[in-house]
C-alpha cells in the first residue's frame, strides 16, 4: 500500500513542526507550506490524499484557499480538513458548512492526530 500524502498548510512554525513530526513518525508523507497561496501553487505537483488547512493564514485565509481548491476540477475532490484553535461549536459548524471535509481542533492530540488524518485521506490505512 502506498503512503498517505498530506499537504499541511500552517503558518505557525511550532504548530507546523509538531504536526509534521507527528505525521512523519506515523509513516505519512508530509509536504508543508505556510500560506494558502503556496498550497495552491504546489497542490497539483504534490497530489495529496488530504489537505490539512489552518483557517487563519497570512494572505488568503483557509476558507478562501478551500474555495479555490473546490473551484478547480483538478483539486475539487481532494479532502480538505480545517485545523484550527477556533474550537467553539459555531466555528466547527461554520467550517463544515463552508465545505471542509472535517475539523481538527488545536492543540492537536499527538496520540490521535495521525488516525484523524488517515480517516479523511483518500487512501487511508497503515503505511
N, C-alpha and C. Protein backbone atom coordinates (compact mmCIF):
# COMPACT_ATOMS: atom_id res chain seq x y z
N UNK A 1 0.84 -1.18 0.00
CA UNK A 1 0.00 0.00 0.00
C UNK A 1 0.89 1.24 0.00
N UNK A 2 0.54 2.22 -0.82
CA UNK A 2 1.35 3.43 -0.85
C UNK A 2 1.03 4.33 0.33
N UNK A 3 2.01 5.15 0.67
CA UNK A 3 1.85 6.03 1.83
C UNK A 3 0.85 7.14 1.56
N UNK A 4 0.17 7.54 2.60
CA UNK A 4 -0.73 8.67 2.53
C UNK A 4 0.12 9.94 2.44
N UNK A 5 -0.24 10.81 1.49
CA UNK A 5 0.47 12.08 1.33
C UNK A 5 -0.42 13.21 1.85
N UNK A 6 0.15 14.02 2.74
CA UNK A 6 -0.57 15.11 3.38
C UNK A 6 0.04 16.43 2.94
N UNK A 7 -0.80 17.36 2.50
CA UNK A 7 -0.37 18.73 2.29
C UNK A 7 -0.78 19.50 3.53
N UNK A 8 0.19 19.95 4.30
CA UNK A 8 -0.02 20.65 5.56
C UNK A 8 0.16 22.14 5.33
N UNK A 9 -0.90 22.92 5.60
CA UNK A 9 -0.86 24.37 5.40
C UNK A 9 -0.98 25.02 6.78
N UNK A 10 0.14 25.51 7.28
CA UNK A 10 0.20 26.03 8.66
C UNK A 10 1.26 27.13 8.72
N UNK A 11 0.89 28.31 9.20
CA UNK A 11 1.83 29.42 9.24
C UNK A 11 2.61 29.53 10.55
N UNK A 12 2.16 28.87 11.60
CA UNK A 12 2.88 28.93 12.88
C UNK A 12 3.99 27.89 12.87
N UNK A 13 5.26 28.32 12.98
CA UNK A 13 6.38 27.37 12.88
C UNK A 13 6.32 26.22 13.89
N UNK A 14 5.91 26.49 15.11
CA UNK A 14 5.83 25.42 16.12
C UNK A 14 4.74 24.41 15.79
N UNK A 15 3.57 24.93 15.42
CA UNK A 15 2.47 24.04 15.06
C UNK A 15 2.82 23.21 13.83
N UNK A 16 3.47 23.84 12.86
CA UNK A 16 3.87 23.14 11.65
C UNK A 16 4.85 22.02 11.98
N UNK A 17 5.86 22.32 12.78
CA UNK A 17 6.86 21.32 13.13
C UNK A 17 6.23 20.15 13.89
N UNK A 18 5.39 20.45 14.87
CA UNK A 18 4.76 19.39 15.65
C UNK A 18 3.90 18.50 14.75
N UNK A 19 3.04 19.11 13.95
CA UNK A 19 2.16 18.31 13.08
C UNK A 19 2.97 17.48 12.09
N UNK A 20 3.96 18.09 11.47
CA UNK A 20 4.79 17.35 10.51
C UNK A 20 5.52 16.19 11.19
N UNK A 21 6.12 16.46 12.34
CA UNK A 21 6.87 15.41 13.04
C UNK A 21 5.96 14.25 13.45
N UNK A 22 4.79 14.55 13.97
CA UNK A 22 3.86 13.51 14.41
C UNK A 22 3.41 12.67 13.22
N UNK A 23 3.06 13.32 12.12
CA UNK A 23 2.58 12.59 10.95
C UNK A 23 3.69 11.76 10.30
N UNK A 24 4.89 12.33 10.19
CA UNK A 24 6.00 11.58 9.60
C UNK A 24 6.39 10.39 10.48
N UNK A 25 6.38 10.57 11.79
CA UNK A 25 6.67 9.46 12.71
C UNK A 25 5.66 8.33 12.53
N UNK A 26 4.41 8.69 12.20
CA UNK A 26 3.36 7.71 11.99
C UNK A 26 3.40 7.10 10.58
N UNK A 27 4.35 7.54 9.75
CA UNK A 27 4.52 6.94 8.44
C UNK A 27 3.83 7.65 7.28
N UNK A 28 3.30 8.82 7.51
CA UNK A 28 2.67 9.58 6.44
C UNK A 28 3.70 10.49 5.78
N UNK A 29 3.54 10.73 4.50
CA UNK A 29 4.40 11.67 3.78
C UNK A 29 3.80 13.06 3.92
N UNK A 30 4.62 14.05 4.25
CA UNK A 30 4.11 15.39 4.50
C UNK A 30 4.84 16.41 3.65
N UNK A 31 4.07 17.25 2.97
CA UNK A 31 4.59 18.42 2.30
C UNK A 31 4.00 19.61 3.04
N UNK A 32 4.85 20.47 3.58
CA UNK A 32 4.39 21.58 4.41
C UNK A 32 4.60 22.92 3.71
N UNK A 33 3.58 23.77 3.77
CA UNK A 33 3.66 25.13 3.26
C UNK A 33 3.06 26.05 4.31
N UNK A 34 3.34 27.35 4.18
CA UNK A 34 2.91 28.28 5.23
C UNK A 34 1.83 29.27 4.81
N UNK A 35 1.40 29.22 3.55
CA UNK A 35 0.35 30.14 3.10
C UNK A 35 -0.62 29.42 2.17
N UNK A 36 -1.80 30.00 2.03
CA UNK A 36 -2.77 29.48 1.08
C UNK A 36 -2.26 29.58 -0.35
N UNK A 37 -1.56 30.66 -0.64
CA UNK A 37 -1.01 30.84 -1.99
C UNK A 37 -0.02 29.71 -2.32
N UNK A 38 0.83 29.35 -1.36
CA UNK A 38 1.78 28.25 -1.59
C UNK A 38 1.03 26.93 -1.78
N UNK A 39 -0.01 26.73 -1.02
CA UNK A 39 -0.79 25.49 -1.16
C UNK A 39 -1.35 25.38 -2.57
N UNK A 40 -1.92 26.46 -3.07
CA UNK A 40 -2.48 26.44 -4.42
C UNK A 40 -1.41 26.22 -5.48
N UNK A 41 -0.20 26.71 -5.22
CA UNK A 41 0.90 26.57 -6.18
C UNK A 41 1.44 25.15 -6.26
N UNK A 42 1.37 24.40 -5.16
CA UNK A 42 2.00 23.07 -5.14
C UNK A 42 1.01 21.91 -5.17
N UNK A 43 -0.27 22.16 -5.00
CA UNK A 43 -1.22 21.07 -4.83
C UNK A 43 -1.23 20.11 -6.03
N UNK A 44 -1.11 20.62 -7.24
CA UNK A 44 -1.09 19.74 -8.42
C UNK A 44 0.13 18.84 -8.42
N UNK A 45 1.26 19.40 -8.06
CA UNK A 45 2.52 18.64 -8.06
C UNK A 45 2.55 17.61 -6.93
N UNK A 46 1.98 17.94 -5.80
CA UNK A 46 2.01 17.08 -4.62
C UNK A 46 1.00 15.94 -4.73
N UNK A 47 -0.16 16.19 -5.35
CA UNK A 47 -1.25 15.20 -5.43
C UNK A 47 -1.57 14.62 -4.06
N UNK A 48 -1.95 15.45 -3.10
CA UNK A 48 -2.17 14.96 -1.74
C UNK A 48 -3.42 14.10 -1.62
N UNK A 49 -3.39 13.22 -0.64
CA UNK A 49 -4.57 12.43 -0.30
C UNK A 49 -5.48 13.21 0.64
N UNK A 50 -4.91 14.21 1.29
CA UNK A 50 -5.67 15.08 2.19
C UNK A 50 -4.88 16.38 2.38
N UNK A 51 -5.61 17.48 2.52
CA UNK A 51 -5.01 18.77 2.84
C UNK A 51 -5.46 19.14 4.25
N UNK A 52 -4.51 19.48 5.10
CA UNK A 52 -4.80 20.00 6.44
C UNK A 52 -4.61 21.50 6.39
N UNK A 53 -5.68 22.25 6.61
CA UNK A 53 -5.68 23.69 6.36
C UNK A 53 -5.94 24.48 7.63
N UNK A 54 -4.94 25.25 8.04
CA UNK A 54 -5.16 26.22 9.10
C UNK A 54 -6.15 27.24 8.55
N UNK A 55 -7.05 27.73 9.39
CA UNK A 55 -8.04 28.69 8.91
C UNK A 55 -7.52 30.11 8.88
N UNK A 56 -6.65 30.45 9.82
CA UNK A 56 -6.13 31.81 9.92
C UNK A 56 -4.71 31.83 9.36
N UNK A 57 -4.62 32.26 8.10
CA UNK A 57 -3.33 32.29 7.40
C UNK A 57 -3.05 33.71 6.93
N UNK A 58 -1.77 34.04 6.75
CA UNK A 58 -1.45 35.32 6.14
C UNK A 58 -1.86 35.29 4.66
N UNK A 59 -2.16 36.43 4.09
CA UNK A 59 -2.60 36.44 2.69
C UNK A 59 -4.01 35.89 2.62
N UNK A 60 -4.23 34.94 1.71
CA UNK A 60 -5.58 34.35 1.63
C UNK A 60 -5.75 33.35 2.77
N UNK A 61 -6.91 33.41 3.40
CA UNK A 61 -7.15 32.55 4.56
C UNK A 61 -7.57 31.14 4.12
N UNK A 62 -7.79 30.28 5.10
CA UNK A 62 -8.14 28.89 4.81
C UNK A 62 -9.45 28.74 4.05
N UNK A 63 -10.44 29.58 4.36
CA UNK A 63 -11.73 29.50 3.66
C UNK A 63 -11.58 29.86 2.19
N UNK A 64 -10.81 30.90 1.91
CA UNK A 64 -10.61 31.32 0.51
C UNK A 64 -9.80 30.27 -0.24
N UNK A 65 -8.79 29.71 0.41
CA UNK A 65 -7.99 28.66 -0.22
C UNK A 65 -8.87 27.46 -0.54
N UNK A 66 -9.74 27.07 0.39
CA UNK A 66 -10.67 25.97 0.14
C UNK A 66 -11.54 26.26 -1.07
N UNK A 67 -12.08 27.47 -1.15
CA UNK A 67 -12.94 27.83 -2.28
C UNK A 67 -12.21 27.69 -3.61
N UNK A 68 -10.96 28.08 -3.63
CA UNK A 68 -10.18 27.99 -4.87
C UNK A 68 -9.85 26.53 -5.21
N UNK A 69 -9.59 25.73 -4.19
CA UNK A 69 -9.35 24.30 -4.44
C UNK A 69 -10.61 23.64 -4.99
N UNK A 70 -11.76 23.96 -4.43
CA UNK A 70 -13.03 23.37 -4.87
C UNK A 70 -13.42 23.84 -6.28
N UNK A 71 -13.02 25.05 -6.64
CA UNK A 71 -13.36 25.60 -7.96
C UNK A 71 -12.53 25.00 -9.09
N UNK A 72 -11.41 24.38 -8.76
CA UNK A 72 -10.52 23.81 -9.77
C UNK A 72 -10.85 22.32 -9.93
N UNK A 73 -11.24 21.89 -11.12
CA UNK A 73 -11.60 20.48 -11.31
C UNK A 73 -10.48 19.50 -10.94
N UNK A 74 -9.23 19.94 -11.02
CA UNK A 74 -8.11 19.06 -10.68
C UNK A 74 -8.00 18.81 -9.18
N UNK A 75 -8.54 19.70 -8.36
CA UNK A 75 -8.41 19.56 -6.91
C UNK A 75 -9.75 19.54 -6.17
N UNK A 76 -10.84 19.59 -6.92
CA UNK A 76 -12.17 19.69 -6.31
C UNK A 76 -12.50 18.53 -5.39
N UNK A 77 -11.94 17.34 -5.67
CA UNK A 77 -12.31 16.18 -4.85
C UNK A 77 -11.28 15.83 -3.78
N UNK A 78 -10.25 16.65 -3.62
CA UNK A 78 -9.25 16.39 -2.59
C UNK A 78 -9.86 16.75 -1.23
N UNK A 79 -9.86 15.81 -0.27
CA UNK A 79 -10.39 16.14 1.05
C UNK A 79 -9.57 17.25 1.72
N UNK A 80 -10.27 18.24 2.25
CA UNK A 80 -9.61 19.35 2.94
C UNK A 80 -10.20 19.42 4.35
N UNK A 81 -9.31 19.33 5.33
CA UNK A 81 -9.72 19.32 6.73
C UNK A 81 -9.24 20.61 7.39
N UNK A 82 -10.15 21.32 8.03
CA UNK A 82 -9.81 22.53 8.78
C UNK A 82 -9.08 22.12 10.05
N UNK A 83 -8.01 22.83 10.36
CA UNK A 83 -7.27 22.62 11.61
C UNK A 83 -7.20 23.99 12.27
N UNK A 84 -7.83 24.12 13.42
CA UNK A 84 -7.96 25.45 13.99
C UNK A 84 -8.05 25.45 15.50
N UNK A 85 -7.55 26.52 16.09
CA UNK A 85 -7.71 26.75 17.53
C UNK A 85 -9.07 27.38 17.82
N UNK A 86 -9.78 27.79 16.78
CA UNK A 86 -11.13 28.29 16.95
C UNK A 86 -12.03 27.08 17.19
N UNK A 87 -12.26 26.75 18.44
CA UNK A 87 -12.85 25.46 18.77
C UNK A 87 -14.28 25.52 19.29
N UNK A 88 -14.93 26.64 19.15
CA UNK A 88 -16.33 26.72 19.56
C UNK A 88 -17.18 25.91 18.58
N UNK A 89 -18.30 25.42 19.04
CA UNK A 89 -19.18 24.63 18.17
C UNK A 89 -19.56 25.41 16.92
N UNK A 90 -19.77 26.71 17.06
CA UNK A 90 -20.13 27.54 15.89
C UNK A 90 -18.99 27.61 14.88
N UNK A 91 -17.74 27.63 15.36
CA UNK A 91 -16.59 27.66 14.46
C UNK A 91 -16.50 26.36 13.66
N UNK A 92 -16.68 25.24 14.35
CA UNK A 92 -16.68 23.93 13.69
C UNK A 92 -17.80 23.87 12.64
N UNK A 93 -18.99 24.28 13.02
CA UNK A 93 -20.14 24.24 12.11
C UNK A 93 -19.91 25.14 10.90
N UNK A 94 -19.33 26.32 11.12
CA UNK A 94 -19.07 27.24 10.02
C UNK A 94 -18.08 26.64 9.03
N UNK A 95 -17.04 25.97 9.54
CA UNK A 95 -16.06 25.33 8.67
C UNK A 95 -16.70 24.20 7.87
N UNK A 96 -17.49 23.38 8.51
CA UNK A 96 -18.14 22.27 7.81
C UNK A 96 -19.17 22.78 6.81
N UNK A 97 -19.90 23.84 7.18
CA UNK A 97 -20.86 24.45 6.25
C UNK A 97 -20.17 25.06 5.04
N UNK A 98 -18.94 25.52 5.23
CA UNK A 98 -18.17 26.13 4.13
C UNK A 98 -17.64 25.08 3.15
N UNK A 99 -17.71 23.80 3.54
CA UNK A 99 -17.28 22.75 2.63
C UNK A 99 -16.05 21.98 3.06
N UNK A 100 -15.51 22.28 4.22
CA UNK A 100 -14.40 21.46 4.72
C UNK A 100 -14.92 20.06 4.99
N UNK A 101 -14.07 19.07 4.77
CA UNK A 101 -14.46 17.67 4.94
C UNK A 101 -14.36 17.21 6.39
N UNK A 102 -13.74 18.00 7.22
CA UNK A 102 -13.59 17.67 8.63
C UNK A 102 -13.01 18.84 9.37
N UNK A 103 -12.88 18.66 10.68
CA UNK A 103 -12.36 19.72 11.55
C UNK A 103 -11.54 19.07 12.65
N UNK A 104 -10.30 19.49 12.78
CA UNK A 104 -9.42 19.00 13.85
C UNK A 104 -9.05 20.21 14.70
N UNK A 105 -9.27 20.06 15.98
CA UNK A 105 -9.03 21.15 16.93
C UNK A 105 -7.56 21.22 17.34
N UNK A 106 -7.06 22.45 17.46
CA UNK A 106 -5.73 22.69 18.03
C UNK A 106 -5.94 23.02 19.50
N UNK A 107 -5.03 22.65 20.36
CA UNK A 107 -3.81 21.91 20.03
C UNK A 107 -4.16 20.47 19.65
N UNK A 108 -3.39 19.93 18.71
CA UNK A 108 -3.65 18.58 18.26
C UNK A 108 -3.32 17.59 19.37
N UNK A 109 -3.97 16.44 19.32
CA UNK A 109 -3.63 15.34 20.21
C UNK A 109 -2.57 14.51 19.50
N UNK A 110 -1.37 14.47 20.06
CA UNK A 110 -0.26 13.75 19.43
C UNK A 110 -0.64 12.28 19.22
N UNK A 111 -1.37 11.72 20.14
CA UNK A 111 -1.76 10.31 20.04
C UNK A 111 -2.80 10.09 18.94
N UNK A 112 -3.80 10.97 18.84
CA UNK A 112 -4.93 10.76 17.93
C UNK A 112 -4.75 11.36 16.54
N UNK A 113 -3.87 12.32 16.40
CA UNK A 113 -3.75 13.10 15.16
C UNK A 113 -3.52 12.24 13.91
N UNK A 114 -2.57 11.29 13.90
CA UNK A 114 -2.37 10.52 12.67
C UNK A 114 -3.62 9.76 12.22
N UNK A 115 -4.35 9.19 13.16
CA UNK A 115 -5.56 8.45 12.80
C UNK A 115 -6.65 9.41 12.33
N UNK A 116 -6.75 10.59 12.95
CA UNK A 116 -7.73 11.58 12.49
C UNK A 116 -7.45 11.94 11.03
N UNK A 117 -6.18 12.10 10.70
CA UNK A 117 -5.81 12.47 9.33
C UNK A 117 -6.09 11.31 8.38
N UNK A 118 -5.72 10.09 8.77
CA UNK A 118 -5.97 8.92 7.90
C UNK A 118 -7.46 8.74 7.59
N UNK A 119 -8.31 9.02 8.56
CA UNK A 119 -9.75 8.86 8.35
C UNK A 119 -10.27 9.76 7.23
N UNK A 120 -9.62 10.89 7.02
CA UNK A 120 -10.06 11.83 5.99
C UNK A 120 -9.34 11.65 4.66
N UNK A 121 -8.24 10.93 4.65
CA UNK A 121 -7.44 10.79 3.43
C UNK A 121 -8.13 9.90 2.40
N UNK A 122 -7.86 10.19 1.14
CA UNK A 122 -8.42 9.37 0.06
C UNK A 122 -7.89 7.93 0.15
N UNK A 123 -6.62 7.79 0.51
CA UNK A 123 -6.00 6.48 0.72
C UNK A 123 -5.74 6.37 2.21
N UNK A 124 -6.63 5.81 2.95
CA UNK A 124 -6.44 5.69 4.40
C UNK A 124 -5.63 4.46 4.74
N UNK A 125 -5.59 4.13 6.00
CA UNK A 125 -4.93 2.89 6.42
C UNK A 125 -3.50 3.08 6.84
N UNK A 126 -2.88 1.99 7.16
CA UNK A 126 -1.50 1.99 7.66
C UNK A 126 -0.52 2.18 6.52
N UNK A 127 0.66 2.74 6.81
CA UNK A 127 1.66 2.94 5.76
C UNK A 127 2.20 1.62 5.27
